[in-house]
């Protein structure tokens, strides 16, 4: 494994730990606000993913039809 990949992996691991620690800390301080923000973020992410999937499927369908 190259030094670049190792460094990137360590950075990703540190970022994940930092995010988890911050989320746990916020959850202890203000659980209702944290739960609300996480729920809203999850819902927005799900909608964005669904829309991206639909757009991708529509583009793929259009490309298949235009080849005929």
N, C-alpha and C. Protein backbone atom coordinates (compact mmCIF):
# COMPACT_ATOMS: atom_id res chain seq x y z
N UNK A 1 0.86 -1.17 0.00
CA UNK A 1 0.00 0.00 0.00
C UNK A 1 0.91 1.24 0.00
N UNK A 2 0.57 2.19 -0.81
CA UNK A 2 1.40 3.39 -0.93
C UNK A 2 1.19 4.31 0.28
N UNK A 3 2.15 5.20 0.45
CA UNK A 3 2.08 6.15 1.56
C UNK A 3 0.86 7.06 1.41
N UNK A 4 0.53 7.39 0.17
CA UNK A 4 -0.62 8.26 -0.08
C UNK A 4 -1.92 7.58 0.37
N UNK A 5 -2.08 6.30 0.06
CA UNK A 5 -3.28 5.58 0.46
C UNK A 5 -3.35 5.43 1.98
N UNK A 6 -2.19 5.17 2.59
CA UNK A 6 -2.15 5.03 4.04
C UNK A 6 -2.54 6.33 4.72
N UNK A 7 -2.01 7.43 4.22
CA UNK A 7 -2.33 8.73 4.79
C UNK A 7 -3.82 9.06 4.62
N UNK A 8 -4.36 8.75 3.46
CA UNK A 8 -5.79 9.01 3.21
C UNK A 8 -6.65 8.16 4.13
N UNK A 9 -6.26 6.91 4.34
CA UNK A 9 -7.03 6.03 5.22
C UNK A 9 -6.99 6.53 6.66
N UNK A 10 -5.81 6.98 7.12
CA UNK A 10 -5.70 7.51 8.48
C UNK A 10 -6.53 8.78 8.65
N UNK A 11 -6.53 9.63 7.63
CA UNK A 11 -7.32 10.86 7.69
C UNK A 11 -8.81 10.55 7.75
N UNK A 12 -9.26 9.59 6.96
CA UNK A 12 -10.68 9.21 6.97
C UNK A 12 -11.07 8.62 8.33
N UNK A 13 -10.18 7.82 8.90
CA UNK A 13 -10.46 7.22 10.21
C UNK A 13 -10.56 8.30 11.28
N UNK A 14 -9.64 9.27 11.24
CA UNK A 14 -9.65 10.35 12.22
C UNK A 14 -10.92 11.20 12.06
N UNK A 15 -11.32 11.47 10.83
CA UNK A 15 -12.53 12.26 10.59
C UNK A 15 -13.76 11.53 11.12
N UNK A 16 -13.81 10.22 10.90
CA UNK A 16 -14.96 9.44 11.38
C UNK A 16 -15.02 9.44 12.91
N UNK A 17 -13.86 9.29 13.56
CA UNK A 17 -13.83 9.33 15.03
C UNK A 17 -14.26 10.70 15.54
N UNK A 18 -13.78 11.73 14.91
CA UNK A 18 -14.12 13.10 15.31
C UNK A 18 -15.62 13.34 15.18
N UNK A 19 -16.20 12.89 14.06
CA UNK A 19 -17.63 13.06 13.83
C UNK A 19 -18.45 12.29 14.86
N UNK A 20 -18.04 11.04 15.13
CA UNK A 20 -18.76 10.22 16.11
C UNK A 20 -18.68 10.84 17.50
N UNK A 21 -17.51 11.33 17.86
CA UNK A 21 -17.35 11.94 19.18
C UNK A 21 -18.20 13.21 19.30
N UNK A 22 -18.21 14.02 18.26
CA UNK A 22 -19.00 15.25 18.27
C UNK A 22 -20.49 14.97 18.35
N UNK A 23 -20.93 13.96 17.61
CA UNK A 23 -22.35 13.61 17.63
C UNK A 23 -22.76 13.10 19.01
N UNK A 24 -21.92 12.25 19.61
CA UNK A 24 -22.22 11.73 20.95
C UNK A 24 -22.25 12.86 21.98
N UNK A 25 -21.33 13.79 21.85
CA UNK A 25 -21.27 14.92 22.79
C UNK A 25 -22.52 15.79 22.67
N UNK A 26 -22.93 16.07 21.44
CA UNK A 26 -24.13 16.89 21.22
C UNK A 26 -25.38 16.17 21.71
N UNK A 27 -25.41 14.85 21.53
CA UNK A 27 -26.56 14.06 21.96
C UNK A 27 -26.72 14.14 23.47
N UNK A 28 -25.62 14.15 24.19
CA UNK A 28 -25.68 14.26 25.65
C UNK A 28 -26.17 15.65 26.08
N UNK A 29 -25.73 16.69 25.37
CA UNK A 29 -26.09 18.05 25.78
C UNK A 29 -27.53 18.41 25.45
N UNK A 30 -27.96 18.08 24.25
CA UNK A 30 -29.31 18.47 23.82
C UNK A 30 -29.90 17.37 22.93
N UNK A 31 -30.44 16.33 23.55
CA UNK A 31 -30.89 15.16 22.78
C UNK A 31 -32.01 15.45 21.77
N UNK A 32 -32.95 16.31 22.13
CA UNK A 32 -34.08 16.56 21.23
C UNK A 32 -33.62 17.28 19.96
N UNK A 33 -32.77 18.28 20.13
CA UNK A 33 -32.27 19.03 18.98
C UNK A 33 -31.43 18.13 18.08
N UNK A 34 -30.58 17.31 18.69
CA UNK A 34 -29.73 16.42 17.92
C UNK A 34 -30.57 15.42 17.14
N UNK A 35 -31.54 14.84 17.79
CA UNK A 35 -32.40 13.86 17.12
C UNK A 35 -33.16 14.51 15.96
N UNK A 36 -33.62 15.73 16.17
CA UNK A 36 -34.34 16.44 15.11
C UNK A 36 -33.43 16.72 13.92
N UNK A 37 -32.24 17.23 14.20
CA UNK A 37 -31.31 17.54 13.12
C UNK A 37 -30.87 16.29 12.36
N UNK A 38 -30.61 15.21 13.10
CA UNK A 38 -30.23 13.96 12.45
C UNK A 38 -31.38 13.41 11.60
N UNK A 39 -32.59 13.52 12.12
CA UNK A 39 -33.75 13.05 11.37
C UNK A 39 -33.97 13.85 10.09
N UNK A 40 -33.89 15.17 10.22
CA UNK A 40 -34.07 16.03 9.04
C UNK A 40 -32.96 15.78 8.02
N UNK A 41 -31.73 15.66 8.50
CA UNK A 41 -30.61 15.39 7.60
C UNK A 41 -30.76 14.06 6.90
N UNK A 42 -31.20 13.05 7.63
CA UNK A 42 -31.42 11.74 7.03
C UNK A 42 -32.53 11.77 5.99
N UNK A 43 -33.60 12.48 6.31
CA UNK A 43 -34.71 12.58 5.36
C UNK A 43 -34.29 13.32 4.09
N UNK A 44 -33.56 14.43 4.25
CA UNK A 44 -33.08 15.17 3.08
C UNK A 44 -32.12 14.33 2.25
N UNK A 45 -31.26 13.58 2.93
CA UNK A 45 -30.34 12.69 2.22
C UNK A 45 -31.07 11.61 1.46
N UNK A 46 -32.11 11.06 2.06
CA UNK A 46 -32.89 10.02 1.38
C UNK A 46 -33.60 10.58 0.15
N UNK A 47 -34.17 11.77 0.28
CA UNK A 47 -34.84 12.40 -0.86
C UNK A 47 -33.84 12.71 -1.97
N UNK A 48 -32.68 13.24 -1.59
CA UNK A 48 -31.66 13.56 -2.59
C UNK A 48 -31.18 12.29 -3.30
N UNK A 49 -30.98 11.22 -2.54
CA UNK A 49 -30.57 9.95 -3.15
C UNK A 49 -31.63 9.39 -4.07
N UNK A 50 -32.88 9.49 -3.66
CA UNK A 50 -33.98 9.00 -4.50
C UNK A 50 -34.05 9.79 -5.80
N UNK A 51 -33.92 11.12 -5.67
CA UNK A 51 -33.98 11.96 -6.88
C UNK A 51 -32.80 11.68 -7.81
N UNK A 52 -31.62 11.49 -7.23
CA UNK A 52 -30.44 11.18 -8.05
C UNK A 52 -30.62 9.83 -8.75
N UNK A 53 -31.19 8.88 -8.04
CA UNK A 53 -31.46 7.58 -8.65
C UNK A 53 -32.46 7.65 -9.78
N UNK A 54 -33.50 8.43 -9.56
CA UNK A 54 -34.52 8.59 -10.61
C UNK A 54 -33.93 9.29 -11.82
N UNK A 55 -33.12 10.33 -11.59
CA UNK A 55 -32.51 11.06 -12.69
C UNK A 55 -31.56 10.15 -13.46
N UNK A 56 -30.77 9.38 -12.72
CA UNK A 56 -29.84 8.44 -13.35
C UNK A 56 -30.58 7.39 -14.16
N UNK A 57 -31.67 6.89 -13.61
CA UNK A 57 -32.45 5.88 -14.33
C UNK A 57 -33.08 6.49 -15.57
N UNK A 58 -33.57 7.72 -15.46
CA UNK A 58 -34.19 8.38 -16.61
C UNK A 58 -33.15 8.65 -17.69
N UNK A 59 -31.96 9.08 -17.29
CA UNK A 59 -30.91 9.33 -18.27
C UNK A 59 -30.48 8.03 -18.94
N UNK A 60 -30.37 6.97 -18.16
CA UNK A 60 -30.01 5.67 -18.72
C UNK A 60 -31.06 5.18 -19.70
N UNK A 61 -32.32 5.36 -19.36
CA UNK A 61 -33.42 4.96 -20.24
C UNK A 61 -33.37 5.78 -21.53
N UNK A 62 -33.11 7.07 -21.43
CA UNK A 62 -33.04 7.94 -22.60
C UNK A 62 -31.89 7.52 -23.51
N UNK A 63 -30.75 7.18 -22.91
CA UNK A 63 -29.60 6.76 -23.74
C UNK A 63 -29.89 5.46 -24.45
N UNK A 64 -30.59 4.55 -23.77
CA UNK A 64 -30.93 3.27 -24.42
C UNK A 64 -31.88 3.49 -25.59
N UNK A 65 -32.85 4.39 -25.40
CA UNK A 65 -33.82 4.64 -26.46
C UNK A 65 -33.18 5.39 -27.64
N UNK A 66 -32.22 6.27 -27.33
CA UNK A 66 -31.62 7.05 -28.42
C UNK A 66 -30.68 6.21 -29.28
N UNK A 67 -30.22 5.08 -28.78
CA UNK A 67 -29.34 4.19 -29.55
C UNK A 67 -30.11 3.40 -30.61
N UNK A 68 -31.37 3.21 -30.37
CA UNK A 68 -32.18 2.38 -31.29
C UNK A 68 -32.38 3.04 -32.63
